[in-house]
Structures are given as structure tokens and as C-alpha cells.
Amino acid sequence: MNVEILKTKSKLKLSSTLDANIVPSLKESLLTMIHENKPIEIDASTVQSIDTLCSQMLLSASRTCHDQEISFHVVKQSQKFIDVMKLLDMTELLEDAA
């Protein structure tokens, strides 16, 4: 995973596998982006496996951004990402995808 802080937004491209091993890195990346107070774009195009904990972290980050009036969008979603979000009833992460 790689955080990219641009002038107008923050971007994060998710790894293909998101499991308990990636949690510390994902948490750090999300917190860094939230603290920038810029719109956030999460690229989920390569996600092939995502566990519940990582899904919950993304949902929590999304809600935190909403509370702080920071734009948060998951874009370029892989079919696997979409399927897991629907299975876990976390479809709010799928809304407004570009």
C-alpha cells in the first residue's frame, strides 16, 4: 500500500490481499490521510481478498471522514471488493464510486 498526498487530495491504492497482517499499515495509512484533512480516494481495483477487520477499518475511516466533513470515496473497485462489501452489508463504501 502506498499513500500519495497531493495538493488537493490524498490517495491510497490497496494491496491485493487485505488481512490481519496488513492491519497496522492500513491503520497508519488511513490515519495519515485523515489528518491531512483533504478528500480521500481509496483505489480498490486490485483487491482479491479482504477480511472483515480490514473492511471494518475502511468503514470506520469513511464514517470518521463523514463526521469531519472530509470526502471519502472507494474508487476503481474490483469485483471481489464489491462482493465482500455486499456480503458484509457495508454497501455505503460502494456509494459514489467513480
Protein backbone atom coordinates (compact mmCIF):
# COMPACT_ATOMS: atom_id res chain seq x y z
CA MET A 1 0.00 0.00 0.00
CA ASN A 2 1.13 3.44 -0.82
CA VAL A 3 -0.27 6.75 0.43
CA GLU A 4 0.02 9.62 -2.01
CA ILE A 5 -0.61 13.09 -0.59
CA LEU A 6 -1.40 15.50 -3.40
CA LYS A 7 -2.17 19.20 -3.30
CA THR A 8 -5.93 18.67 -3.45
CA LYS A 9 -6.47 15.11 -2.14
CA SER A 10 -4.96 12.02 -0.55
CA LYS A 11 -4.86 8.69 -2.39
CA LEU A 12 -4.29 5.10 -1.28
CA LYS A 13 -4.01 2.07 -3.53
CA LEU A 14 -4.98 -1.03 -1.58
CA SER A 15 -2.97 -4.23 -1.76
CA SER A 16 -4.44 -7.30 -3.42
CA THR A 17 -4.67 -9.10 -0.07
CA LEU A 18 -6.05 -7.28 2.96
CA ASP A 19 -5.87 -9.44 6.08
CA ALA A 20 -4.75 -9.21 9.72
CA ASN A 21 -1.10 -8.88 8.60
CA ILE A 22 -1.81 -5.59 6.85
CA VAL A 23 -3.89 -4.01 9.65
CA PRO A 24 -1.09 -1.89 11.23
CA SER A 25 -0.08 -0.49 7.84
CA LEU A 26 -3.68 0.13 6.78
CA LYS A 27 -4.45 1.90 10.06
CA GLU A 28 -1.37 4.12 9.77
CA SER A 29 -2.17 4.98 6.15
CA LEU A 30 -5.79 5.86 6.90
CA LEU A 31 -4.88 8.00 9.91
CA THR A 32 -2.22 9.84 7.91
CA MET A 33 -4.74 10.63 5.21
CA ILE A 34 -7.45 11.73 7.65
CA HIS A 35 -5.01 14.06 9.42
CA GLU A 36 -4.27 15.75 6.09
CA ASN A 37 -7.91 16.93 6.09
CA LYS A 38 -8.18 16.58 2.30
CA PRO A 39 -10.57 14.50 0.20
CA ILE A 40 -9.59 10.81 0.30
CA GLU A 41 -9.60 8.36 -2.61
CA ILE A 42 -9.13 4.66 -1.99
CA ASP A 43 -8.24 2.58 -5.07
CA ALA A 44 -9.59 -0.95 -4.59
CA SER A 45 -9.01 -2.14 -8.16
CA THR A 46 -6.52 -4.87 -7.26
CA VAL A 47 -8.26 -6.25 -4.15
CA GLN A 48 -8.66 -10.03 -4.43
CA SER A 49 -9.05 -10.86 -0.74
CA ILE A 50 -10.29 -8.70 2.12
CA ASP A 51 -11.15 -9.85 5.62
CA THR A 52 -13.77 -8.45 7.95
CA LEU A 53 -11.31 -6.48 10.09
CA CYS A 54 -9.91 -4.56 7.11
CA SER A 55 -13.43 -3.95 5.82
CA GLN A 56 -14.42 -2.56 9.22
CA MET A 57 -11.36 -0.30 9.26
CA LEU A 58 -12.32 1.16 5.89
CA LEU A 59 -15.90 1.67 7.05
CA SER A 60 -14.71 3.32 10.27
CA ALA A 61 -12.42 5.64 8.30
CA SER A 62 -15.30 6.51 5.99
CA ARG A 63 -17.56 7.38 8.92
CA THR A 64 -14.81 9.38 10.63
CA CYS A 65 -14.34 11.37 7.43
CA HIS A 66 -18.07 11.93 7.16
CA ASP A 67 -18.15 13.26 10.73
CA GLN A 68 -15.23 15.58 9.95
CA GLU A 69 -16.74 16.62 6.59
CA ILE A 70 -13.89 15.07 4.62
CA SER A 71 -14.78 13.43 1.31
CA PHE A 72 -14.04 9.66 1.32
CA HIS A 73 -14.53 7.52 -1.79
CA VAL A 74 -13.52 4.00 -2.71
CA VAL A 75 -12.88 4.07 -6.46
CA LYS A 76 -11.96 1.53 -9.13
CA GLN A 77 -13.43 -1.32 -7.10
CA SER A 78 -12.59 -4.91 -8.01
CA GLN A 79 -15.47 -7.35 -8.27
CA LYS A 80 -14.14 -9.20 -5.22
CA PHE A 81 -14.17 -5.98 -3.19
CA ILE A 82 -17.75 -5.29 -4.26
CA ASP A 83 -18.85 -8.85 -3.44
CA VAL A 84 -17.34 -8.75 0.06
CA MET A 85 -18.82 -5.33 0.85
CA LYS A 86 -22.26 -6.59 -0.18
CA LEU A 87 -21.83 -9.79 1.83
CA LEU A 88 -20.89 -7.79 4.94
CA ASP A 89 -23.67 -5.24 4.29
CA MET A 90 -21.12 -2.44 4.02
CA THR A 91 -22.52 -1.08 0.79
CA GLU A 92 -22.06 2.52 1.90
CA LEU A 93 -18.41 2.02 0.87
CA LEU A 94 -19.64 1.32 -2.66
CA GLU A 95 -21.68 4.52 -2.98
CA ASP A 96 -20.48 7.29 -5.26
CA ALA A 97 -17.66 5.18 -6.73
CA ALA A 98 -16.01 6.76 -9.74
